[in-house]
């Protein structure tokens, strides 16, 4: 009888290990390859881009999963409505703070793509929730890691706050093509 009990216990132990191993293998690869960056936010460029001072080097950070209204970049690249308001809103949450970011990769502009944890949520989520950014649906959602942002955007739209307080808000990925590339700014 004792032998039979040991076999069952051994089987359950092996089964438990296999279940844990299967769980590890099923982790989202985007999450599995994260890395942390800790530093002080020394600049908020716009509603989705900051500079983080890490040791003695400034790193450019692009907030993951969101796209904020464009701020102006000279005469050839005018800003969108709410571009400056979005920048100020992000600054209110992160400027001057020392934070540890959860990063996923670098983009083609050598910016780290990160979530910025603040106060039990992320600055990324706050920007969308407060009507200061879109859940990034560019390229059929290719850049949207946090799908819960879609519901936050929908709620902000329903409340008509921020960018949603004016009819006809143009997504930044559309604005960059229409206005900056095709020179058809509205």
N, C-alpha and C. Protein backbone atom coordinates (compact mmCIF):
# COMPACT_ATOMS: atom_id res chain seq x y z
N UNK A 1 0.82 -1.20 0.00
CA UNK A 1 0.00 0.00 0.00
C UNK A 1 0.86 1.25 0.00
N UNK A 2 1.91 1.23 0.84
CA UNK A 2 2.80 2.38 0.93
C UNK A 2 3.45 2.65 -0.42
N UNK A 3 3.84 1.62 -1.13
CA UNK A 3 4.47 1.75 -2.43
C UNK A 3 3.53 2.41 -3.44
N UNK A 4 2.26 2.01 -3.40
CA UNK A 4 1.25 2.58 -4.28
C UNK A 4 1.06 4.07 -4.01
N UNK A 5 1.07 4.45 -2.71
CA UNK A 5 0.92 5.85 -2.33
C UNK A 5 2.11 6.67 -2.83
N UNK A 6 3.30 6.10 -2.71
CA UNK A 6 4.50 6.80 -3.17
C UNK A 6 4.44 7.00 -4.68
N UNK A 7 3.95 6.00 -5.42
CA UNK A 7 3.82 6.12 -6.87
C UNK A 7 2.86 7.25 -7.23
N UNK A 8 1.72 7.32 -6.52
CA UNK A 8 0.75 8.37 -6.78
C UNK A 8 1.34 9.74 -6.47
N UNK A 9 2.03 9.84 -5.33
CA UNK A 9 2.63 11.11 -4.95
C UNK A 9 3.70 11.51 -5.96
N UNK A 10 4.50 10.57 -6.39
CA UNK A 10 5.52 10.85 -7.40
C UNK A 10 4.90 11.29 -8.72
N UNK A 11 3.81 10.63 -9.10
CA UNK A 11 3.11 11.00 -10.32
C UNK A 11 2.56 12.42 -10.23
N UNK A 12 1.94 12.72 -9.07
CA UNK A 12 1.38 14.07 -8.89
C UNK A 12 2.47 15.12 -8.89
N UNK A 13 3.62 14.82 -8.35
CA UNK A 13 4.74 15.77 -8.35
C UNK A 13 5.21 16.04 -9.78
N UNK A 14 5.34 14.97 -10.54
CA UNK A 14 5.77 15.13 -11.93
C UNK A 14 4.70 15.89 -12.71
N UNK A 15 3.44 15.56 -12.48
CA UNK A 15 2.35 16.25 -13.15
C UNK A 15 2.38 17.74 -12.80
N UNK A 16 2.59 18.05 -11.52
CA UNK A 16 2.68 19.45 -11.10
C UNK A 16 3.81 20.19 -11.79
N UNK A 17 4.96 19.54 -11.90
CA UNK A 17 6.11 20.15 -12.58
C UNK A 17 5.79 20.39 -14.05
N UNK A 18 5.14 19.43 -14.69
CA UNK A 18 4.77 19.60 -16.10
C UNK A 18 3.78 20.74 -16.29
N UNK A 19 2.83 20.88 -15.36
CA UNK A 19 1.86 21.97 -15.46
C UNK A 19 2.56 23.32 -15.33
N UNK A 20 3.47 23.41 -14.36
CA UNK A 20 4.23 24.67 -14.18
C UNK A 20 5.05 24.95 -15.43
N UNK A 21 5.72 23.93 -15.96
CA UNK A 21 6.54 24.10 -17.16
C UNK A 21 5.68 24.55 -18.34
N UNK A 22 4.50 23.94 -18.49
CA UNK A 22 3.59 24.34 -19.58
C UNK A 22 3.16 25.78 -19.40
N UNK A 23 2.93 26.21 -18.18
CA UNK A 23 2.58 27.60 -17.90
C UNK A 23 3.68 28.55 -18.30
N UNK A 24 4.91 28.16 -18.04
CA UNK A 24 6.05 29.01 -18.42
C UNK A 24 6.13 29.12 -19.94
N UNK A 25 5.90 28.02 -20.63
CA UNK A 25 5.97 28.05 -22.09
C UNK A 25 4.84 28.87 -22.71
N UNK A 26 3.72 29.01 -22.00
CA UNK A 26 2.59 29.73 -22.58
C UNK A 26 2.63 31.23 -22.30
N UNK A 27 3.64 31.70 -21.61
CA UNK A 27 3.76 33.13 -21.32
C UNK A 27 3.89 33.90 -22.63
N UNK A 28 3.23 35.02 -22.71
CA UNK A 28 3.29 35.88 -23.88
C UNK A 28 4.75 36.25 -24.15
N UNK A 29 5.28 35.99 -25.35
CA UNK A 29 6.68 36.27 -25.63
C UNK A 29 7.03 37.75 -25.47
N UNK A 30 6.06 38.64 -25.70
CA UNK A 30 6.32 40.06 -25.53
C UNK A 30 6.62 40.38 -24.07
N UNK A 31 5.95 39.68 -23.15
CA UNK A 31 6.17 39.89 -21.73
C UNK A 31 7.45 39.18 -21.29
N UNK A 32 7.69 38.01 -21.85
CA UNK A 32 8.85 37.21 -21.44
C UNK A 32 10.16 37.92 -21.75
N UNK A 33 10.17 38.81 -22.73
CA UNK A 33 11.43 39.44 -23.12
C UNK A 33 11.53 40.88 -22.62
N UNK A 34 10.87 41.20 -21.53
CA UNK A 34 10.93 42.57 -21.02
C UNK A 34 12.24 42.83 -20.30
N UNK A 35 12.57 44.10 -20.19
CA UNK A 35 13.73 44.52 -19.41
C UNK A 35 13.37 45.82 -18.71
N UNK A 36 14.07 46.13 -17.65
CA UNK A 36 13.77 47.32 -16.86
C UNK A 36 14.78 48.42 -17.14
N UNK A 37 14.30 49.64 -17.11
CA UNK A 37 15.16 50.83 -17.16
C UNK A 37 14.75 51.71 -15.99
N UNK A 38 15.69 52.09 -15.17
CA UNK A 38 15.41 52.97 -14.04
C UNK A 38 16.16 54.27 -14.23
N UNK A 39 15.46 55.36 -14.06
CA UNK A 39 16.10 56.65 -14.20
C UNK A 39 15.13 57.77 -13.89
N UNK A 40 15.61 58.99 -14.04
CA UNK A 40 14.81 60.18 -13.76
C UNK A 40 14.29 60.76 -15.08
N UNK A 41 13.00 61.08 -15.10
CA UNK A 41 12.39 61.69 -16.29
C UNK A 41 12.88 63.14 -16.34
N UNK A 42 13.68 63.45 -17.37
CA UNK A 42 14.26 64.79 -17.49
C UNK A 42 13.61 65.62 -18.59
N UNK A 43 12.80 64.98 -19.43
CA UNK A 43 12.12 65.72 -20.51
C UNK A 43 10.89 64.97 -20.95
N UNK A 44 9.81 65.70 -21.17
CA UNK A 44 8.60 65.13 -21.76
C UNK A 44 8.45 65.84 -23.10
N UNK A 45 8.75 65.12 -24.18
CA UNK A 45 8.75 65.71 -25.52
C UNK A 45 7.35 65.93 -26.06
N UNK A 46 6.50 64.94 -25.84
CA UNK A 46 5.10 65.01 -26.28
C UNK A 46 4.30 64.02 -25.45
N UNK A 47 3.10 63.72 -25.85
CA UNK A 47 2.23 62.88 -25.05
C UNK A 47 2.56 61.41 -25.03
N UNK A 48 3.58 61.00 -25.79
CA UNK A 48 3.97 59.59 -25.77
C UNK A 48 5.49 59.39 -25.84
N UNK A 49 6.25 60.43 -25.57
CA UNK A 49 7.71 60.32 -25.65
C UNK A 49 8.37 61.12 -24.53
N UNK A 50 9.32 60.47 -23.85
CA UNK A 50 10.06 61.13 -22.78
C UNK A 50 11.55 60.85 -22.92
N UNK A 51 12.34 61.59 -22.16
CA UNK A 51 13.76 61.28 -22.01
C UNK A 51 13.98 60.87 -20.56
N UNK A 52 14.69 59.77 -20.37
CA UNK A 52 14.97 59.22 -19.06
C UNK A 52 16.48 59.25 -18.84
N UNK A 53 16.92 59.87 -17.75
CA UNK A 53 18.35 59.90 -17.42
C UNK A 53 18.67 58.62 -16.66
N UNK A 54 19.41 57.74 -17.32
CA UNK A 54 19.82 56.46 -16.75
C UNK A 54 21.32 56.56 -16.52
N UNK A 55 21.73 56.55 -15.25
CA UNK A 55 23.10 56.79 -14.82
C UNK A 55 23.49 58.17 -15.34
N UNK A 56 24.29 58.26 -16.41
CA UNK A 56 24.66 59.58 -16.92
C UNK A 56 24.30 59.73 -18.40
N UNK A 57 23.42 58.85 -18.88
CA UNK A 57 23.04 58.89 -20.29
C UNK A 57 21.53 59.07 -20.42
N UNK A 58 21.11 59.97 -21.32
CA UNK A 58 19.68 60.13 -21.59
C UNK A 58 19.23 59.08 -22.60
N UNK A 59 18.16 58.40 -22.26
CA UNK A 59 17.56 57.40 -23.14
C UNK A 59 16.21 57.93 -23.60
N UNK A 60 15.92 57.78 -24.89
CA UNK A 60 14.62 58.17 -25.44
C UNK A 60 13.65 57.02 -25.21
N UNK A 61 12.47 57.37 -24.72
CA UNK A 61 11.45 56.37 -24.39
C UNK A 61 10.17 56.71 -25.15
N UNK A 62 9.60 55.71 -25.80
CA UNK A 62 8.30 55.83 -26.48
C UNK A 62 7.33 54.97 -25.70
N UNK A 63 6.23 55.54 -25.24
CA UNK A 63 5.26 54.77 -24.47
C UNK A 63 4.62 53.71 -25.36
N UNK A 64 4.62 52.49 -24.87
CA UNK A 64 4.07 51.35 -25.61
C UNK A 64 2.56 51.46 -25.72
N UNK A 65 2.04 50.96 -26.81
CA UNK A 65 0.60 50.75 -27.03
C UNK A 65 -0.24 52.00 -27.23
N UNK A 66 0.36 53.20 -27.18
CA UNK A 66 -0.44 54.41 -27.36
C UNK A 66 0.16 55.28 -28.45
N UNK A 67 -0.64 56.20 -28.95
CA UNK A 67 -0.17 57.23 -29.88
C UNK A 67 -0.91 58.50 -29.50
N UNK A 68 -0.15 59.53 -29.16
CA UNK A 68 -0.71 60.80 -28.70
C UNK A 68 -0.74 61.81 -29.84
N UNK A 69 -1.60 62.83 -29.72
CA UNK A 69 -1.64 63.87 -30.76
C UNK A 69 -0.25 64.49 -30.94
N UNK A 70 0.08 64.79 -32.17
CA UNK A 70 1.39 65.33 -32.49
C UNK A 70 1.53 66.78 -32.01
N UNK A 71 2.70 67.08 -31.46
CA UNK A 71 3.05 68.47 -31.19
C UNK A 71 3.73 69.00 -32.45
N UNK A 72 3.79 70.30 -32.59
CA UNK A 72 4.40 70.89 -33.78
C UNK A 72 5.90 70.65 -33.84
N UNK A 73 6.39 70.47 -35.06
CA UNK A 73 7.81 70.28 -35.33
C UNK A 73 8.21 71.19 -36.48
N UNK A 74 8.07 72.49 -36.27
CA UNK A 74 8.43 73.45 -37.30
C UNK A 74 7.28 73.71 -38.26
N UNK A 75 7.54 74.55 -39.27
CA UNK A 75 6.51 74.95 -40.23
C UNK A 75 5.99 73.80 -41.08
N UNK A 76 6.86 72.85 -41.40
CA UNK A 76 6.47 71.75 -42.28
C UNK A 76 5.71 70.63 -41.56
N UNK A 77 5.74 70.68 -40.23
CA UNK A 77 5.07 69.64 -39.45
C UNK A 77 4.27 70.28 -38.31
N UNK A 78 3.11 70.85 -38.64
CA UNK A 78 2.30 71.49 -37.59
C UNK A 78 1.74 70.46 -36.61
N UNK A 79 1.43 70.94 -35.42
CA UNK A 79 0.87 70.07 -34.39
C UNK A 79 -0.63 69.89 -34.54
N UNK A 80 -1.12 68.89 -33.86
CA UNK A 80 -2.55 68.60 -33.83
C UNK A 80 -3.21 69.28 -32.64
N UNK A 81 -4.52 69.38 -32.71
CA UNK A 81 -5.27 69.81 -31.54
C UNK A 81 -4.97 68.85 -30.40
N UNK A 82 -4.79 69.36 -29.22
CA UNK A 82 -4.50 68.61 -28.00
C UNK A 82 -3.08 68.06 -27.93
N UNK A 83 -2.22 68.38 -28.91
CA UNK A 83 -0.83 67.92 -28.85
C UNK A 83 -0.12 68.43 -27.61
N UNK A 84 -0.23 69.73 -27.37
CA UNK A 84 0.44 70.32 -26.21
C UNK A 84 -0.26 69.92 -24.91
N UNK A 85 -1.57 69.82 -24.93
CA UNK A 85 -2.32 69.39 -23.74
C UNK A 85 -1.93 67.96 -23.35
N UNK A 86 -1.74 67.11 -24.34
CA UNK A 86 -1.33 65.73 -24.08
C UNK A 86 0.07 65.69 -23.47
N UNK A 87 0.98 66.50 -23.99
CA UNK A 87 2.33 66.57 -23.45
C UNK A 87 2.30 67.01 -21.99
N UNK A 88 1.54 68.05 -21.71
CA UNK A 88 1.44 68.57 -20.34
C UNK A 88 0.81 67.54 -19.40
N UNK A 89 -0.17 66.80 -19.90
CA UNK A 89 -0.82 65.78 -19.08
C UNK A 89 0.17 64.68 -18.70
N UNK A 90 0.95 64.22 -19.68
CA UNK A 90 1.96 63.20 -19.38
C UNK A 90 2.99 63.76 -18.40
N UNK A 91 3.41 65.01 -18.59
CA UNK A 91 4.39 65.64 -17.69
C UNK A 91 3.85 65.67 -16.26
N UNK A 92 2.58 65.93 -16.11
CA UNK A 92 1.96 65.97 -14.78
C UNK A 92 2.12 64.64 -14.05
N UNK A 93 2.12 63.55 -14.79
CA UNK A 93 2.24 62.22 -14.18
C UNK A 93 3.69 61.76 -13.97
N UNK A 94 4.63 62.23 -14.81
CA UNK A 94 5.97 61.63 -14.76
C UNK A 94 7.14 62.59 -14.62
N UNK A 95 6.98 63.86 -14.96
CA UNK A 95 8.12 64.79 -15.02
C UNK A 95 8.86 64.86 -13.68
N UNK A 96 10.18 64.75 -13.76
CA UNK A 96 11.05 64.87 -12.60
C UNK A 96 11.08 63.67 -11.69
N UNK A 97 10.28 62.64 -11.97
CA UNK A 97 10.23 61.45 -11.12
C UNK A 97 11.29 60.44 -11.51
N UNK A 98 11.77 59.71 -10.50
CA UNK A 98 12.64 58.57 -10.76
C UNK A 98 11.74 57.35 -10.80
N UNK A 99 11.75 56.67 -11.93
CA UNK A 99 10.83 55.56 -12.19
C UNK A 99 11.57 54.35 -12.76
N UNK A 100 10.98 53.19 -12.59
CA UNK A 100 11.47 51.98 -13.22
C UNK A 100 10.47 51.58 -14.29
N UNK A 101 10.90 51.61 -15.53
CA UNK A 101 10.05 51.32 -16.68
C UNK A 101 10.15 49.85 -17.05
N UNK A 102 9.09 49.33 -17.62
CA UNK A 102 9.06 47.97 -18.16
C UNK A 102 9.13 48.11 -19.67
N UNK A 103 10.26 47.70 -20.24
CA UNK A 103 10.51 47.91 -21.67
C UNK A 103 10.48 46.60 -22.44
N UNK A 104 10.17 46.71 -23.73
CA UNK A 104 9.98 45.54 -24.56
C UNK A 104 11.03 45.40 -25.67
N UNK A 105 11.42 46.52 -26.25
CA UNK A 105 12.32 46.50 -27.40
C UNK A 105 12.72 47.93 -27.73
N UNK A 106 13.53 48.07 -28.77
CA UNK A 106 13.84 49.40 -29.31
C UNK A 106 13.19 49.49 -30.69
N UNK A 107 12.74 50.70 -31.04
CA UNK A 107 12.13 50.88 -32.35
C UNK A 107 13.18 51.33 -33.37
N UNK A 108 12.73 51.61 -34.56
CA UNK A 108 13.65 51.98 -35.64
C UNK A 108 14.33 53.32 -35.40
N UNK A 109 13.82 54.11 -34.45
CA UNK A 109 14.43 55.39 -34.10
C UNK A 109 15.32 55.26 -32.86
N UNK A 110 15.60 54.03 -32.45
CA UNK A 110 16.46 53.72 -31.30
C UNK A 110 15.84 54.16 -29.97
N UNK A 111 14.50 54.27 -29.94
CA UNK A 111 13.80 54.58 -28.69
C UNK A 111 13.40 53.27 -28.03
N UNK A 112 13.46 53.23 -26.71
CA UNK A 112 12.96 52.09 -25.95
C UNK A 112 11.44 52.18 -25.94
N UNK A 113 10.77 51.07 -26.18
CA UNK A 113 9.31 51.00 -26.15
C UNK A 113 8.93 50.42 -24.79
N UNK A 114 8.25 51.25 -23.96
CA UNK A 114 8.07 50.88 -22.56
C UNK A 114 6.69 51.22 -22.02
N UNK A 115 6.32 50.51 -20.97
CA UNK A 115 5.22 50.90 -20.10
C UNK A 115 5.86 51.67 -18.95
N UNK A 116 5.18 52.71 -18.48
CA UNK A 116 5.72 53.53 -17.40
C UNK A 116 4.81 53.40 -16.18
N UNK A 117 5.17 52.50 -15.24
CA UNK A 117 4.35 52.34 -14.04
C UNK A 117 4.35 53.60 -13.17
N UNK A 118 3.14 54.03 -12.81
CA UNK A 118 2.95 55.15 -11.88
C UNK A 118 1.68 54.90 -11.06
N UNK A 119 1.79 55.02 -9.77
CA UNK A 119 0.63 54.97 -8.88
C UNK A 119 -0.33 53.81 -9.08
N UNK A 120 0.18 52.60 -9.24
CA UNK A 120 -0.68 51.43 -9.37
C UNK A 120 -1.25 51.19 -10.76
N UNK A 121 -0.87 52.01 -11.72
CA UNK A 121 -1.29 51.84 -13.11
C UNK A 121 -0.09 52.19 -13.98
N UNK A 122 -0.32 52.61 -15.21
CA UNK A 122 0.78 53.09 -16.04
C UNK A 122 0.42 54.45 -16.62
N UNK A 123 1.44 55.22 -16.92
CA UNK A 123 1.21 56.50 -17.60
C UNK A 123 0.56 56.26 -18.95
N UNK A 124 0.89 55.14 -19.59
CA UNK A 124 0.30 54.78 -20.87
C UNK A 124 -1.22 54.71 -20.73
N UNK A 125 -1.68 53.98 -19.72
CA UNK A 125 -3.12 53.82 -19.48
C UNK A 125 -3.76 55.15 -19.12
N UNK A 126 -3.08 55.95 -18.29
CA UNK A 126 -3.63 57.24 -17.87
C UNK A 126 -3.84 58.17 -19.06
N UNK A 127 -2.89 58.17 -19.99
CA UNK A 127 -3.02 59.03 -21.16
C UNK A 127 -4.28 58.69 -21.97
N UNK A 128 -4.54 57.40 -22.13
CA UNK A 128 -5.74 56.97 -22.89
C UNK A 128 -7.00 57.23 -22.06
N UNK A 129 -6.96 56.85 -20.80
CA UNK A 129 -8.11 57.00 -19.91
C UNK A 129 -8.54 58.46 -19.76
N UNK A 130 -7.57 59.37 -19.79
CA UNK A 130 -7.86 60.79 -19.62
C UNK A 130 -8.10 61.52 -20.95
N UNK A 131 -8.22 60.74 -22.03
CA UNK A 131 -8.54 61.31 -23.33
C UNK A 131 -7.38 62.07 -23.96
N UNK A 132 -6.16 61.68 -23.67
CA UNK A 132 -4.99 62.38 -24.19
C UNK A 132 -4.16 61.54 -25.16
N UNK A 133 -4.65 60.35 -25.50
CA UNK A 133 -3.96 59.49 -26.47
C UNK A 133 -4.92 58.42 -26.96
N UNK A 134 -4.59 57.87 -28.09
CA UNK A 134 -5.31 56.75 -28.68
C UNK A 134 -4.66 55.44 -28.25
N UNK A 135 -5.44 54.38 -28.17
CA UNK A 135 -4.87 53.04 -28.16
C UNK A 135 -4.32 52.86 -29.57
N UNK A 136 -3.06 52.53 -29.70
CA UNK A 136 -2.39 52.56 -31.01
C UNK A 136 -2.89 51.44 -31.93
N UNK A 137 -3.74 51.83 -32.88
CA UNK A 137 -4.31 50.89 -33.84
C UNK A 137 -3.62 50.95 -35.21
N UNK A 138 -2.50 51.65 -35.26
CA UNK A 138 -1.75 51.75 -36.52
C UNK A 138 -1.35 50.34 -36.98
N UNK A 139 -1.35 50.12 -38.26
CA UNK A 139 -0.96 48.83 -38.86
C UNK A 139 -1.80 47.68 -38.28
N UNK A 140 -3.11 47.91 -38.21
CA UNK A 140 -4.07 46.91 -37.72
C UNK A 140 -3.75 46.44 -36.30
N UNK A 141 -3.30 47.35 -35.45
CA UNK A 141 -3.05 47.02 -34.05
C UNK A 141 -1.72 46.36 -33.77
N UNK A 142 -0.82 46.39 -34.73
CA UNK A 142 0.49 45.74 -34.59
C UNK A 142 1.27 46.26 -33.36
N UNK A 143 1.04 47.52 -32.99
CA UNK A 143 1.80 48.13 -31.90
C UNK A 143 1.03 48.14 -30.58
N UNK A 144 -0.11 47.48 -30.53
CA UNK A 144 -0.95 47.48 -29.33
C UNK A 144 -0.66 46.24 -28.49
N UNK A 145 0.16 46.40 -27.47
CA UNK A 145 0.49 45.30 -26.57
C UNK A 145 -0.56 45.13 -25.49
N UNK A 146 -1.13 46.25 -25.03
CA UNK A 146 -2.11 46.25 -23.95
C UNK A 146 -3.50 46.45 -24.53
N UNK A 147 -4.19 45.36 -24.78
CA UNK A 147 -5.50 45.42 -25.43
C UNK A 147 -6.57 46.05 -24.53
N UNK A 148 -6.31 46.13 -23.23
CA UNK A 148 -7.28 46.76 -22.33
C UNK A 148 -7.41 48.25 -22.62
N UNK A 149 -6.47 48.81 -23.35
CA UNK A 149 -6.54 50.23 -23.70
C UNK A 149 -7.72 50.53 -24.62
N UNK A 150 -8.17 49.55 -25.36
CA UNK A 150 -9.32 49.75 -26.24
C UNK A 150 -10.56 50.13 -25.44
N UNK A 151 -10.78 49.46 -24.31
CA UNK A 151 -11.93 49.78 -23.47
C UNK A 151 -11.76 51.15 -22.81
N UNK A 152 -10.53 51.48 -22.43
CA UNK A 152 -10.28 52.80 -21.83
C UNK A 152 -10.54 53.91 -22.84
N UNK A 153 -10.12 53.68 -24.08
CA UNK A 153 -10.38 54.67 -25.13
C UNK A 153 -11.87 54.82 -25.38
N UNK A 154 -12.57 53.71 -25.42
CA UNK A 154 -14.02 53.76 -25.65
C UNK A 154 -14.71 54.56 -24.54
N UNK A 155 -14.30 54.34 -23.29
CA UNK A 155 -14.89 55.07 -22.17
C UNK A 155 -14.59 56.57 -22.26
N UNK A 156 -13.36 56.92 -22.64
CA UNK A 156 -13.00 58.34 -22.79
C UNK A 156 -13.81 58.98 -23.91
N UNK A 157 -14.01 58.25 -25.00
CA UNK A 157 -14.84 58.75 -26.11
C UNK A 157 -16.26 59.02 -25.63
N UNK A 158 -16.81 58.08 -24.86
CA UNK A 158 -18.19 58.22 -24.37
C UNK A 158 -18.32 59.41 -23.42
N UNK A 159 -17.27 59.69 -22.67
CA UNK A 159 -17.28 60.84 -21.74
C UNK A 159 -16.99 62.15 -22.47
N UNK A 160 -16.58 62.06 -23.73
CA UNK A 160 -16.17 63.21 -24.55
C UNK A 160 -15.15 64.09 -23.83
N UNK A 161 -14.08 63.44 -23.34
CA UNK A 161 -13.02 64.18 -22.65
C UNK A 161 -11.77 64.25 -23.53
N UNK A 162 -10.97 65.27 -23.29
CA UNK A 162 -9.70 65.43 -24.01
C UNK A 162 -9.91 65.50 -25.51
N UNK A 163 -9.15 64.67 -26.22
CA UNK A 163 -9.22 64.67 -27.69
C UNK A 163 -10.62 64.35 -28.20
N UNK A 164 -11.42 63.72 -27.38
CA UNK A 164 -12.77 63.31 -27.78
C UNK A 164 -13.80 64.41 -27.53
N UNK A 165 -13.36 65.56 -27.01
CA UNK A 165 -14.30 66.66 -26.77
C UNK A 165 -14.59 67.45 -28.04
N UNK A 166 -13.79 67.23 -29.07
CA UNK A 166 -14.02 67.88 -30.36
C UNK A 166 -14.33 66.82 -31.41
N UNK A 167 -15.35 67.06 -32.23
CA UNK A 167 -15.68 66.07 -33.26
C UNK A 167 -14.56 65.98 -34.31
N UNK A 168 -14.43 64.81 -34.88
CA UNK A 168 -13.49 64.64 -35.99
C UNK A 168 -12.04 64.51 -35.58
N UNK A 169 -11.77 64.00 -34.38
CA UNK A 169 -10.37 63.80 -33.96
C UNK A 169 -9.67 62.86 -34.94
N UNK A 170 -8.49 63.28 -35.39
CA UNK A 170 -7.73 62.50 -36.37
C UNK A 170 -6.61 61.77 -35.65
N UNK A 171 -6.56 60.46 -35.80
CA UNK A 171 -5.52 59.65 -35.17
C UNK A 171 -4.14 60.12 -35.65
N UNK A 172 -3.15 60.14 -34.77
CA UNK A 172 -1.82 60.64 -35.14
C UNK A 172 -1.20 59.90 -36.33
N UNK A 173 -1.42 58.59 -36.43
CA UNK A 173 -0.84 57.85 -37.56
C UNK A 173 -1.48 58.27 -38.87
N UNK A 174 -2.71 58.75 -38.84
CA UNK A 174 -3.37 59.28 -40.03
C UNK A 174 -2.87 60.71 -40.28
N UNK A 175 -2.76 61.50 -39.21
CA UNK A 175 -2.28 62.89 -39.29
C UNK A 175 -0.89 62.96 -39.94
N UNK A 176 0.00 62.07 -39.54
CA UNK A 176 1.37 62.11 -40.06
C UNK A 176 1.38 61.91 -41.58
N UNK A 177 0.49 61.08 -42.08
CA UNK A 177 0.42 60.85 -43.52
C UNK A 177 -0.31 62.01 -44.20
N UNK A 178 -1.51 62.34 -43.74
CA UNK A 178 -2.32 63.39 -44.39
C UNK A 178 -1.63 64.74 -44.34
N UNK A 179 -1.20 65.13 -43.16
CA UNK A 179 -0.70 66.49 -42.97
C UNK A 179 0.80 66.61 -43.27
N UNK A 180 1.58 65.77 -42.64
CA UNK A 180 3.03 65.92 -42.77
C UNK A 180 3.55 65.42 -44.13
N UNK A 181 3.04 64.30 -44.57
CA UNK A 181 3.54 63.72 -45.82
C UNK A 181 2.83 64.32 -47.04
N UNK A 182 1.47 64.35 -47.00
CA UNK A 182 0.69 64.80 -48.15
C UNK A 182 0.35 66.29 -48.11
N UNK A 183 0.74 66.99 -47.04
CA UNK A 183 0.52 68.43 -46.87
C UNK A 183 -0.94 68.83 -46.95
N UNK A 184 -1.82 67.97 -46.45
CA UNK A 184 -3.26 68.24 -46.43
C UNK A 184 -3.73 68.31 -44.99
N UNK A 185 -3.29 69.36 -44.30
CA UNK A 185 -3.62 69.54 -42.89
C UNK A 185 -5.02 70.15 -42.77
N UNK A 186 -5.75 69.69 -41.76
CA UNK A 186 -7.10 70.23 -41.56
C UNK A 186 -7.18 71.00 -40.26
